[in-house]
Each structure stands twice: as structure tokens, then as C-alpha cells.
Amino acid sequence: MSLASIEDLVVNLWPDHIAAAVAAPDPKRGERVILAMTKPGATRAEVQTWMKMKGSSEIMCPSSVVALDAIPLLGSGKINYVALAKALRESGDAG
């Protein structure tokens, strides 16, 4: 499973928002995927329904979806995954 492929699918669901997928430790599975979105009120159910419509397998669906006001970016404008993972851990959203 590619985190980038999850982002690519979700960005088409909400094209005006930023999606960023990160892996977090999971005691049962080893790791789980958390999808951070700038779409207010974004839910896992919406993402799951969209991914099913697009023919994606259940394993590609993130275990949780977190709506954020902003996704941290690097100076280049690309997503700062290190800062995002840290922010999710500190907020308790990354387990």
C-alpha cells in the first residue's frame, strides 16, 4: 500500500483541499494509516465510500481521518510529513 496512492485517490474526492497520509505505529497490525485533510468535517466513512466507488481495496482505506485547519508545508510548498506526523502524535491522533 502506497501512502501517495491513498492521497491521489482522496484528492479527487475533495480537489480544493490538501490530503496527506502518514503511517503510525499500531500494536496489532504494526502500522496504520492516518489521513489528514484540510476539509472541515471530513470522515473516514466518506473516504471509505469514495475509495470503494473507485475500486480500491479495503486495505487502502485509512484507519482514521483527521480534519486539520492546515497541513504543514515545507518552504518548497510540498507537504512536511515529519512535522505532520509529529503534530498528529502530539495531538493524540497518531496513537
N, C-alpha and C. Protein backbone atom coordinates (compact mmCIF):
# COMPACT_ATOMS: atom_id res chain seq x y z
N MET A 1 0.84 -1.18 0.00
CA MET A 1 0.00 0.00 0.00
C MET A 1 0.89 1.24 0.00
N SER A 2 0.60 2.14 -0.90
CA SER A 2 1.37 3.36 -1.01
C SER A 2 0.59 4.53 -0.41
N LEU A 3 1.24 5.27 0.45
CA LEU A 3 0.59 6.45 1.03
C LEU A 3 0.25 7.46 -0.05
N ALA A 4 1.12 7.59 -1.04
CA ALA A 4 0.88 8.53 -2.14
C ALA A 4 -0.36 8.12 -2.94
N SER A 5 -0.57 6.83 -3.13
CA SER A 5 -1.75 6.40 -3.89
C SER A 5 -3.04 6.69 -3.12
N ILE A 6 -3.00 6.60 -1.80
CA ILE A 6 -4.15 6.97 -0.99
C ILE A 6 -4.45 8.46 -1.15
N GLU A 7 -3.40 9.27 -1.07
CA GLU A 7 -3.57 10.71 -1.25
C GLU A 7 -4.13 11.03 -2.63
N ASP A 8 -3.62 10.36 -3.66
CA ASP A 8 -4.09 10.60 -5.02
C ASP A 8 -5.57 10.31 -5.18
N LEU A 9 -6.04 9.25 -4.55
CA LEU A 9 -7.47 8.92 -4.62
C LEU A 9 -8.31 9.97 -3.90
N VAL A 10 -7.88 10.37 -2.72
CA VAL A 10 -8.68 11.28 -1.91
C VAL A 10 -8.69 12.70 -2.45
N VAL A 11 -7.62 13.10 -3.07
CA VAL A 11 -7.57 14.47 -3.60
C VAL A 11 -8.64 14.66 -4.67
N ASN A 12 -9.05 13.59 -5.34
CA ASN A 12 -10.12 13.70 -6.32
C ASN A 12 -11.50 13.76 -5.68
N LEU A 13 -11.61 13.32 -4.43
CA LEU A 13 -12.87 13.44 -3.69
C LEU A 13 -13.09 14.89 -3.29
N TRP A 14 -12.06 15.51 -2.77
CA TRP A 14 -12.13 16.91 -2.35
C TRP A 14 -10.97 17.68 -3.00
N PRO A 15 -11.10 18.04 -4.28
CA PRO A 15 -9.97 18.65 -5.01
C PRO A 15 -9.51 20.01 -4.49
N ASP A 16 -10.34 20.68 -3.72
CA ASP A 16 -9.96 22.01 -3.21
C ASP A 16 -9.27 21.95 -1.86
N HIS A 17 -8.96 20.73 -1.40
CA HIS A 17 -8.35 20.56 -0.09
C HIS A 17 -7.07 19.72 -0.19
N ILE A 18 -6.24 19.84 0.82
CA ILE A 18 -4.99 19.09 0.88
C ILE A 18 -5.23 17.80 1.67
N ALA A 19 -4.71 16.69 1.12
CA ALA A 19 -4.76 15.40 1.80
C ALA A 19 -3.33 14.92 2.01
N ALA A 20 -3.04 14.40 3.18
CA ALA A 20 -1.71 13.87 3.47
C ALA A 20 -1.86 12.61 4.32
N ALA A 21 -1.30 11.52 3.83
CA ALA A 21 -1.37 10.24 4.55
C ALA A 21 -0.04 9.96 5.22
N VAL A 22 -0.11 9.55 6.48
CA VAL A 22 1.08 9.17 7.23
C VAL A 22 0.85 7.84 7.92
N ALA A 23 1.92 7.10 8.13
CA ALA A 23 1.84 5.83 8.85
C ALA A 23 2.15 6.08 10.32
N ALA A 24 1.40 5.39 11.17
CA ALA A 24 1.61 5.50 12.62
C ALA A 24 1.70 4.09 13.19
N PRO A 25 2.43 3.92 14.28
CA PRO A 25 2.53 2.59 14.89
C PRO A 25 1.16 2.08 15.34
N ASP A 26 0.97 0.78 15.20
CA ASP A 26 -0.25 0.13 15.67
C ASP A 26 0.15 -1.16 16.36
N PRO A 27 -0.25 -1.34 17.62
CA PRO A 27 0.20 -2.53 18.37
C PRO A 27 -0.28 -3.86 17.76
N LYS A 28 -1.39 -3.86 17.06
CA LYS A 28 -1.92 -5.10 16.49
C LYS A 28 -1.41 -5.38 15.07
N ARG A 29 -1.34 -4.34 14.25
CA ARG A 29 -1.01 -4.54 12.83
C ARG A 29 0.41 -4.08 12.47
N GLY A 30 1.08 -3.48 13.38
CA GLY A 30 2.41 -2.96 13.07
C GLY A 30 2.37 -1.49 12.73
N GLU A 31 1.46 -1.13 11.81
CA GLU A 31 1.26 0.28 11.50
C GLU A 31 -0.15 0.48 10.95
N ARG A 32 -0.58 1.72 11.01
CA ARG A 32 -1.87 2.09 10.46
C ARG A 32 -1.73 3.40 9.73
N VAL A 33 -2.65 3.68 8.84
CA VAL A 33 -2.59 4.90 8.04
C VAL A 33 -3.57 5.92 8.60
N ILE A 34 -3.06 7.12 8.78
CA ILE A 34 -3.89 8.25 9.19
C ILE A 34 -3.91 9.24 8.04
N LEU A 35 -5.09 9.67 7.66
CA LEU A 35 -5.23 10.65 6.59
C LEU A 35 -5.58 11.99 7.21
N ALA A 36 -4.74 12.97 7.01
CA ALA A 36 -5.01 14.33 7.47
C ALA A 36 -5.60 15.11 6.29
N MET A 37 -6.66 15.84 6.54
CA MET A 37 -7.35 16.60 5.50
C MET A 37 -7.57 18.03 5.95
N THR A 38 -7.55 18.94 5.00
CA THR A 38 -7.92 20.32 5.33
C THR A 38 -9.41 20.55 5.12
N LYS A 39 -10.15 19.51 4.75
CA LYS A 39 -11.59 19.62 4.58
C LYS A 39 -12.26 19.51 5.95
N PRO A 40 -12.94 20.57 6.39
CA PRO A 40 -13.63 20.51 7.67
C PRO A 40 -14.68 19.39 7.68
N GLY A 41 -14.70 18.63 8.74
CA GLY A 41 -15.69 17.58 8.89
C GLY A 41 -15.46 16.33 8.06
N ALA A 42 -14.30 16.21 7.43
CA ALA A 42 -14.01 15.02 6.64
C ALA A 42 -14.09 13.78 7.52
N THR A 43 -14.68 12.71 6.99
CA THR A 43 -14.83 11.50 7.79
C THR A 43 -14.26 10.28 7.08
N ARG A 44 -13.95 9.28 7.87
CA ARG A 44 -13.46 8.02 7.32
C ARG A 44 -14.53 7.37 6.46
N ALA A 45 -15.79 7.46 6.87
CA ALA A 45 -16.89 6.86 6.11
C ALA A 45 -16.97 7.45 4.71
N GLU A 46 -16.80 8.75 4.58
CA GLU A 46 -16.82 9.39 3.26
C GLU A 46 -15.66 8.89 2.41
N VAL A 47 -14.49 8.82 3.01
CA VAL A 47 -13.31 8.34 2.29
C VAL A 47 -13.50 6.88 1.88
N GLN A 48 -14.00 6.08 2.80
CA GLN A 48 -14.21 4.65 2.53
C GLN A 48 -15.20 4.46 1.38
N THR A 49 -16.30 5.18 1.38
CA THR A 49 -17.29 5.10 0.31
C THR A 49 -16.68 5.50 -1.03
N TRP A 50 -15.93 6.59 -1.04
CA TRP A 50 -15.28 7.08 -2.26
C TRP A 50 -14.30 6.04 -2.80
N MET A 51 -13.49 5.49 -1.92
CA MET A 51 -12.49 4.52 -2.36
C MET A 51 -13.15 3.26 -2.92
N LYS A 52 -14.24 2.83 -2.31
CA LYS A 52 -14.98 1.67 -2.83
C LYS A 52 -15.52 1.97 -4.22
N MET A 53 -16.06 3.18 -4.41
CA MET A 53 -16.58 3.57 -5.73
C MET A 53 -15.49 3.55 -6.79
N LYS A 54 -14.27 3.84 -6.37
CA LYS A 54 -13.14 3.88 -7.30
C LYS A 54 -12.47 2.52 -7.45
N GLY A 55 -13.02 1.50 -6.78
CA GLY A 55 -12.50 0.14 -6.93
C GLY A 55 -11.30 -0.20 -6.07
N SER A 56 -11.05 0.61 -5.06
CA SER A 56 -9.91 0.35 -4.17
C SER A 56 -10.26 -0.73 -3.16
N SER A 57 -9.26 -1.46 -2.72
CA SER A 57 -9.49 -2.48 -1.71
C SER A 57 -9.62 -1.83 -0.33
N GLU A 58 -10.25 -2.55 0.57
CA GLU A 58 -10.47 -2.07 1.94
C GLU A 58 -9.15 -1.74 2.64
N ILE A 59 -8.11 -2.48 2.32
CA ILE A 59 -6.82 -2.26 2.98
C ILE A 59 -6.24 -0.87 2.68
N MET A 60 -6.66 -0.26 1.58
CA MET A 60 -6.16 1.08 1.25
C MET A 60 -6.85 2.18 2.05
N CYS A 61 -7.99 1.87 2.65
CA CYS A 61 -8.72 2.89 3.39
C CYS A 61 -7.98 3.22 4.69
N PRO A 62 -7.75 4.50 4.95
CA PRO A 62 -7.06 4.87 6.19
C PRO A 62 -7.85 4.42 7.42
N SER A 63 -7.14 4.12 8.49
CA SER A 63 -7.82 3.70 9.71
C SER A 63 -8.49 4.88 10.40
N SER A 64 -8.01 6.08 10.14
CA SER A 64 -8.68 7.27 10.67
C SER A 64 -8.45 8.46 9.74
N VAL A 65 -9.38 9.40 9.82
CA VAL A 65 -9.29 10.64 9.04
C VAL A 65 -9.37 11.78 10.05
N VAL A 66 -8.41 12.70 9.95
CA VAL A 66 -8.33 13.82 10.87
C VAL A 66 -8.44 15.12 10.07
N ALA A 67 -9.41 15.94 10.40
CA ALA A 67 -9.56 17.23 9.75
C ALA A 67 -8.70 18.26 10.48
N LEU A 68 -7.85 18.94 9.74
CA LEU A 68 -6.97 19.97 10.31
C LEU A 68 -7.22 21.30 9.63
N ASP A 69 -6.95 22.38 10.32
CA ASP A 69 -7.07 23.70 9.71
C ASP A 69 -6.04 23.89 8.61
N ALA A 70 -4.85 23.32 8.83
CA ALA A 70 -3.76 23.45 7.86
C ALA A 70 -2.86 22.23 7.95
N ILE A 71 -2.26 21.87 6.83
CA ILE A 71 -1.26 20.81 6.76
C ILE A 71 0.10 21.50 6.71
N PRO A 72 1.06 21.09 7.53
CA PRO A 72 2.37 21.75 7.50
C PRO A 72 3.06 21.56 6.14
N LEU A 73 3.62 22.63 5.64
CA LEU A 73 4.30 22.61 4.35
C LEU A 73 5.76 23.01 4.50
N LEU A 74 6.57 22.50 3.61
CA LEU A 74 7.98 22.91 3.51
C LEU A 74 8.05 24.23 2.76
N GLY A 75 9.19 24.85 2.76
CA GLY A 75 9.39 26.09 2.02
C GLY A 75 9.09 25.93 0.54
N SER A 76 9.25 24.72 0.02
CA SER A 76 9.00 24.44 -1.40
C SER A 76 7.52 24.32 -1.71
N GLY A 77 6.67 24.29 -0.65
CA GLY A 77 5.24 24.14 -0.85
C GLY A 77 4.78 22.69 -0.78
N LYS A 78 5.72 21.76 -0.64
CA LYS A 78 5.36 20.35 -0.51
C LYS A 78 5.01 20.04 0.95
N ILE A 79 4.29 18.95 1.14
CA ILE A 79 3.86 18.57 2.49
C ILE A 79 5.07 18.20 3.35
N ASN A 80 5.08 18.71 4.57
CA ASN A 80 6.12 18.38 5.54
C ASN A 80 5.61 17.21 6.38
N TYR A 81 5.90 15.99 5.90
CA TYR A 81 5.39 14.78 6.55
C TYR A 81 5.95 14.57 7.95
N VAL A 82 7.18 14.98 8.18
CA VAL A 82 7.78 14.84 9.51
C VAL A 82 7.03 15.71 10.52
N ALA A 83 6.79 16.96 10.16
CA ALA A 83 6.06 17.88 11.04
C ALA A 83 4.61 17.43 11.22
N LEU A 84 4.00 16.90 10.16
CA LEU A 84 2.62 16.42 10.25
C LEU A 84 2.52 15.23 11.21
N ALA A 85 3.41 14.26 11.05
CA ALA A 85 3.39 13.08 11.92
C ALA A 85 3.60 13.50 13.38
N LYS A 86 4.51 14.45 13.60
CA LYS A 86 4.76 14.93 14.97
C LYS A 86 3.52 15.63 15.54
N ALA A 87 2.88 16.46 14.74
CA ALA A 87 1.68 17.17 15.20
C ALA A 87 0.55 16.18 15.52
N LEU A 88 0.40 15.14 14.70
CA LEU A 88 -0.64 14.15 14.95
C LEU A 88 -0.33 13.35 16.23
N ARG A 89 0.96 13.01 16.45
CA ARG A 89 1.35 12.31 17.68
C ARG A 89 1.05 13.17 18.90
N GLU A 90 1.43 14.44 18.82
CA GLU A 90 1.26 15.34 19.96
C GLU A 90 -0.20 15.60 20.28
N SER A 91 -1.05 15.56 19.26
CA SER A 91 -2.48 15.79 19.48
C SER A 91 -3.20 14.52 19.91
N GLY A 92 -2.48 13.38 19.84
CA GLY A 92 -3.09 12.11 20.21
C GLY A 92 -3.78 11.42 19.05
N ASP A 93 -3.78 12.01 17.86
CA ASP A 93 -4.44 11.42 16.69
C ASP A 93 -3.63 10.31 16.04
N ALA A 94 -2.34 10.22 16.38
CA ALA A 94 -1.49 9.19 15.76
C ALA A 94 -1.23 8.03 16.71
N GLY A 95 -1.93 7.99 17.78
CA GLY A 95 -1.77 6.85 18.69
C GLY A 95 -0.63 6.90 19.60
